Amino acid sequence: MHANDGGPVTTGGARHQRAPAIWIFILMDCSSFGLLFLVFMIERMRQVALFDQSSHHLNAGLGFFNACVLITSSWFVARANVFGRDGQFDAARRQLWIGMAIAAIFAVVKIFEYYVKVSAGITVKTNAFFLFYYALTGIHLVHYLGGMVILGILAQGPSPFLPEAEAKPHYLRWLEGGSLYWHMVDLLWIFIFSILYLIGAR
């Protein structure tokens, strides 16, 4: 049984006590990606011709499509937060399920891309560019899968094992944190798409 919809839920100071933790995690994770992006750009400056030529083997249209998929998914996840804060938990859950259904397209497209590359003999051993390609997109895919698990848990609604007075504020804190993580996954793909698919493309 899921908690029924009710009036707006006020989490008080508890929400603000928990918020910095997810922000610290996001900052550390983005810093790690930022370091990878920096190493990529340094290596790119050393092998401009190779990286430009290799980027032509990527399908920018599919990369852009996946960016749109994640942005759309994030919009529904953001709406889930709005409904949650208004106490409309059933509506919030529906938004999360829709967001997940849309986000599932990302994995299908990404697996298709990998299949096309491997079928053409393009692997991590091909050259430095594709080593970065598989590393960056692979690490991002792990983050994406983790985010899908988090959204799936949140889509179950407030915990039925906690008293209602505790379950709803607790759920809202996790909903906010999970949403911030998902938006980070979205943002990281935009950066990955930009440096891999667009820089050097003709």
Foldseek 3Di string as FASTA:
>chain_A
DADAFDFFDDLPCVLVVLVVVLVVVLVVVVVVVVVLVVVVVVVCVVPVPVLLVVLQLDDLVLLVVLLVLLVVLLVLLVVLLVCLRRRHNLSSLVSLVVSLVSNVVNVVSVVVRVVVCVVVVHACPPDVLRVSVCVLVVVLVVLSVVLSVLSVVLSVHFDPVDPPSPRSSVSSSSSVSSSVSSVSSSVSSVVVSCVRNPVSYD
